[in-house]
N, C-alpha and C. Protein backbone atom coordinates (compact mmCIF):
# COMPACT_ATOMS: atom_id res chain seq x y z
N MET A 1 0.85 -1.16 0.00
CA MET A 1 0.00 0.00 0.00
C MET A 1 0.90 1.23 0.00
N LYS A 2 0.57 2.17 -0.85
CA LYS A 2 1.38 3.36 -1.02
C LYS A 2 0.51 4.59 -0.79
N GLN A 3 1.00 5.51 0.03
CA GLN A 3 0.25 6.73 0.25
C GLN A 3 0.21 7.53 -1.04
N ALA A 4 -0.97 8.00 -1.39
CA ALA A 4 -1.14 8.77 -2.62
C ALA A 4 -0.47 10.13 -2.48
N GLU A 5 0.18 10.55 -3.52
CA GLU A 5 0.85 11.84 -3.53
C GLU A 5 -0.17 12.96 -3.33
N GLY A 6 0.13 13.90 -2.46
CA GLY A 6 -0.74 15.04 -2.25
C GLY A 6 -1.88 14.79 -1.28
N SER A 7 -1.90 13.66 -0.58
CA SER A 7 -2.97 13.35 0.35
C SER A 7 -2.42 12.61 1.56
N ILE A 8 -2.93 12.94 2.72
CA ILE A 8 -2.49 12.23 3.93
C ILE A 8 -3.40 11.07 4.27
N TYR A 9 -4.55 10.94 3.61
CA TYR A 9 -5.50 9.89 3.96
C TYR A 9 -5.93 9.01 2.79
N ILE A 10 -5.39 9.21 1.62
CA ILE A 10 -5.72 8.38 0.47
C ILE A 10 -4.51 7.52 0.12
N PHE A 11 -4.76 6.23 -0.09
CA PHE A 11 -3.68 5.30 -0.41
C PHE A 11 -3.97 4.62 -1.75
N SER A 12 -2.93 4.30 -2.46
CA SER A 12 -3.04 3.55 -3.71
C SER A 12 -2.75 2.09 -3.40
N TYR A 13 -3.69 1.21 -3.72
CA TYR A 13 -3.55 -0.20 -3.38
C TYR A 13 -4.05 -1.07 -4.53
N PRO A 14 -3.27 -1.18 -5.61
CA PRO A 14 -3.70 -1.97 -6.77
C PRO A 14 -4.01 -3.43 -6.43
N GLN A 15 -3.31 -3.99 -5.44
CA GLN A 15 -3.58 -5.37 -5.05
C GLN A 15 -5.02 -5.52 -4.54
N GLY A 16 -5.54 -4.46 -3.95
CA GLY A 16 -6.93 -4.50 -3.47
C GLY A 16 -7.91 -4.64 -4.61
N LEU A 17 -7.64 -4.01 -5.72
CA LEU A 17 -8.50 -4.15 -6.90
C LEU A 17 -8.47 -5.59 -7.39
N GLN A 18 -7.30 -6.19 -7.43
CA GLN A 18 -7.18 -7.59 -7.84
C GLN A 18 -7.96 -8.49 -6.89
N LYS A 19 -7.80 -8.29 -5.60
CA LYS A 19 -8.51 -9.12 -4.61
C LYS A 19 -10.02 -8.97 -4.75
N LEU A 20 -10.47 -7.74 -4.97
CA LEU A 20 -11.90 -7.50 -5.13
C LEU A 20 -12.44 -8.21 -6.36
N LEU A 21 -11.74 -8.11 -7.47
CA LEU A 21 -12.19 -8.77 -8.70
C LEU A 21 -12.25 -10.28 -8.55
N GLU A 22 -11.24 -10.85 -7.90
CA GLU A 22 -11.23 -12.30 -7.67
C GLU A 22 -12.37 -12.71 -6.73
N PHE A 23 -12.62 -11.92 -5.70
CA PHE A 23 -13.70 -12.20 -4.76
C PHE A 23 -15.05 -12.17 -5.48
N MET A 24 -15.27 -11.15 -6.30
CA MET A 24 -16.54 -11.03 -7.01
C MET A 24 -16.76 -12.21 -7.94
N LYS A 25 -15.72 -12.62 -8.64
CA LYS A 25 -15.82 -13.77 -9.56
C LYS A 25 -16.20 -15.04 -8.80
N GLN A 26 -15.53 -15.27 -7.67
CA GLN A 26 -15.73 -16.51 -6.92
C GLN A 26 -17.05 -16.54 -6.15
N ASN A 27 -17.55 -15.39 -5.73
CA ASN A 27 -18.71 -15.38 -4.84
C ASN A 27 -20.01 -14.90 -5.48
N TYR A 28 -19.94 -14.32 -6.66
CA TYR A 28 -21.15 -13.75 -7.27
C TYR A 28 -21.33 -14.17 -8.72
N GLN A 29 -20.99 -15.38 -9.06
CA GLN A 29 -21.24 -15.97 -10.38
C GLN A 29 -20.79 -15.08 -11.54
N SER A 30 -19.59 -14.58 -11.44
CA SER A 30 -18.95 -13.84 -12.54
C SER A 30 -19.78 -12.66 -13.06
N PRO A 31 -20.10 -11.70 -12.22
CA PRO A 31 -20.89 -10.56 -12.71
C PRO A 31 -20.07 -9.68 -13.65
N LYS A 32 -20.75 -8.95 -14.50
CA LYS A 32 -20.06 -7.96 -15.33
C LYS A 32 -19.66 -6.82 -14.41
N ILE A 33 -18.43 -6.38 -14.55
CA ILE A 33 -17.93 -5.28 -13.72
C ILE A 33 -17.40 -4.20 -14.64
N TYR A 34 -17.85 -2.98 -14.43
CA TYR A 34 -17.39 -1.84 -15.20
C TYR A 34 -16.62 -0.91 -14.27
N ILE A 35 -15.36 -0.69 -14.57
CA ILE A 35 -14.55 0.24 -13.79
C ILE A 35 -14.63 1.58 -14.51
N THR A 36 -15.35 2.52 -13.91
CA THR A 36 -15.57 3.80 -14.57
C THR A 36 -14.70 4.91 -14.04
N GLU A 37 -14.11 4.71 -12.88
CA GLU A 37 -13.26 5.75 -12.30
C GLU A 37 -12.17 5.08 -11.49
N ASN A 38 -10.96 5.43 -11.78
CA ASN A 38 -9.84 4.89 -11.03
C ASN A 38 -8.71 5.92 -11.11
N GLY A 39 -8.91 7.03 -10.43
CA GLY A 39 -7.96 8.13 -10.51
C GLY A 39 -6.94 8.10 -9.38
N ILE A 40 -6.09 9.10 -9.37
CA ILE A 40 -5.06 9.21 -8.34
C ILE A 40 -4.86 10.69 -8.03
N THR A 41 -4.59 10.97 -6.78
CA THR A 41 -4.31 12.36 -6.40
C THR A 41 -2.86 12.68 -6.69
N GLU A 42 -2.57 13.95 -6.72
CA GLU A 42 -1.18 14.37 -6.85
C GLU A 42 -1.02 15.73 -6.18
N ALA A 43 0.17 15.98 -5.71
CA ALA A 43 0.47 17.24 -5.04
C ALA A 43 0.44 18.38 -6.06
N LYS A 44 -0.10 19.50 -5.65
CA LYS A 44 -0.13 20.67 -6.53
C LYS A 44 1.26 21.29 -6.58
N ASN A 45 1.73 21.52 -7.80
CA ASN A 45 3.04 22.13 -7.98
C ASN A 45 2.95 23.10 -9.15
N VAL A 46 2.73 24.36 -8.86
CA VAL A 46 2.54 25.36 -9.91
C VAL A 46 3.84 25.78 -10.58
N THR A 47 4.97 25.29 -10.08
CA THR A 47 6.26 25.65 -10.66
C THR A 47 6.65 24.77 -11.84
N LEU A 48 5.93 23.68 -12.05
CA LEU A 48 6.25 22.79 -13.16
C LEU A 48 5.79 23.38 -14.48
N GLY A 49 6.59 23.23 -15.49
CA GLY A 49 6.23 23.70 -16.82
C GLY A 49 5.23 22.78 -17.49
N LEU A 50 4.55 23.28 -18.49
CA LEU A 50 3.53 22.50 -19.19
C LEU A 50 4.12 21.24 -19.81
N ASP A 51 5.33 21.32 -20.35
CA ASP A 51 5.96 20.14 -20.95
C ASP A 51 6.17 19.03 -19.93
N VAL A 52 6.48 19.38 -18.69
CA VAL A 52 6.67 18.38 -17.63
C VAL A 52 5.33 17.82 -17.18
N VAL A 53 4.36 18.70 -16.99
CA VAL A 53 3.04 18.28 -16.50
C VAL A 53 2.36 17.34 -17.49
N LEU A 54 2.49 17.58 -18.76
CA LEU A 54 1.81 16.75 -19.76
C LEU A 54 2.40 15.35 -19.87
N LYS A 55 3.64 15.16 -19.46
CA LYS A 55 4.23 13.82 -19.49
C LYS A 55 3.59 12.94 -18.43
N ASP A 56 3.26 13.49 -17.28
CA ASP A 56 2.46 12.86 -16.23
C ASP A 56 2.90 11.44 -15.84
N PRO A 57 4.16 11.20 -15.52
CA PRO A 57 4.62 9.85 -15.19
C PRO A 57 3.94 9.28 -13.95
N HIS A 58 3.56 10.12 -13.01
CA HIS A 58 2.88 9.66 -11.79
C HIS A 58 1.56 8.96 -12.13
N ARG A 59 0.76 9.59 -12.97
CA ARG A 59 -0.54 9.02 -13.33
C ARG A 59 -0.37 7.79 -14.22
N ILE A 60 0.57 7.84 -15.14
CA ILE A 60 0.83 6.70 -16.03
C ILE A 60 1.24 5.48 -15.21
N GLU A 61 2.14 5.67 -14.26
CA GLU A 61 2.57 4.56 -13.41
C GLU A 61 1.40 3.98 -12.61
N CYS A 62 0.56 4.84 -12.08
CA CYS A 62 -0.60 4.38 -11.31
C CYS A 62 -1.53 3.53 -12.18
N ILE A 63 -1.84 4.02 -13.36
CA ILE A 63 -2.74 3.29 -14.26
C ILE A 63 -2.13 1.95 -14.66
N LEU A 64 -0.84 1.95 -14.97
CA LEU A 64 -0.18 0.69 -15.34
C LEU A 64 -0.20 -0.32 -14.21
N ARG A 65 0.01 0.13 -12.96
CA ARG A 65 -0.04 -0.80 -11.82
C ARG A 65 -1.43 -1.41 -11.68
N HIS A 66 -2.47 -0.61 -11.87
CA HIS A 66 -3.82 -1.12 -11.74
C HIS A 66 -4.18 -2.05 -12.91
N LEU A 67 -3.77 -1.69 -14.11
CA LEU A 67 -4.04 -2.57 -15.26
C LEU A 67 -3.34 -3.92 -15.10
N TYR A 68 -2.13 -3.90 -14.56
CA TYR A 68 -1.41 -5.15 -14.30
C TYR A 68 -2.20 -6.02 -13.34
N ARG A 69 -2.75 -5.42 -12.27
CA ARG A 69 -3.51 -6.20 -11.29
C ARG A 69 -4.82 -6.73 -11.87
N ILE A 70 -5.43 -5.98 -12.76
CA ILE A 70 -6.63 -6.49 -13.44
C ILE A 70 -6.26 -7.70 -14.28
N LYS A 71 -5.14 -7.61 -14.99
CA LYS A 71 -4.66 -8.74 -15.80
C LYS A 71 -4.40 -9.95 -14.92
N MET A 72 -3.77 -9.76 -13.76
CA MET A 72 -3.48 -10.87 -12.86
C MET A 72 -4.76 -11.49 -12.33
N ALA A 73 -5.76 -10.68 -12.03
CA ALA A 73 -7.04 -11.21 -11.56
C ALA A 73 -7.69 -12.05 -12.65
N MET A 74 -7.60 -11.59 -13.88
CA MET A 74 -8.19 -12.36 -14.98
C MET A 74 -7.49 -13.70 -15.15
N LYS A 75 -6.18 -13.72 -14.99
CA LYS A 75 -5.44 -14.98 -15.08
C LYS A 75 -5.81 -15.93 -13.95
N GLN A 76 -6.00 -15.40 -12.75
CA GLN A 76 -6.32 -16.24 -11.58
C GLN A 76 -7.66 -16.94 -11.75
N VAL A 77 -8.65 -16.22 -12.25
CA VAL A 77 -9.98 -16.82 -12.33
C VAL A 77 -10.13 -17.77 -13.50
N ILE A 78 -9.24 -17.67 -14.46
CA ILE A 78 -9.30 -18.60 -15.61
C ILE A 78 -8.77 -19.96 -15.20
N HIS A 79 -7.74 -19.96 -14.36
CA HIS A 79 -7.10 -21.22 -13.97
C HIS A 79 -7.77 -21.89 -12.84
């Protein structure tokens, strides 16, 4: 579990998403699940230039970690 940047009470926990998806598959007859929001906070930094802000490595890394856990959950329930 990783504390989300810019927040003292929000944590990023991609493993939790994987556990939830596996739990839903095993206990609720494989329901359709739509993930419509999976954002991340970040600290405000007005000194960064637009070229730096648009690269957004913090958000990209967060999304990739969550997509990886979704993939792992899909593999677990197939086997």
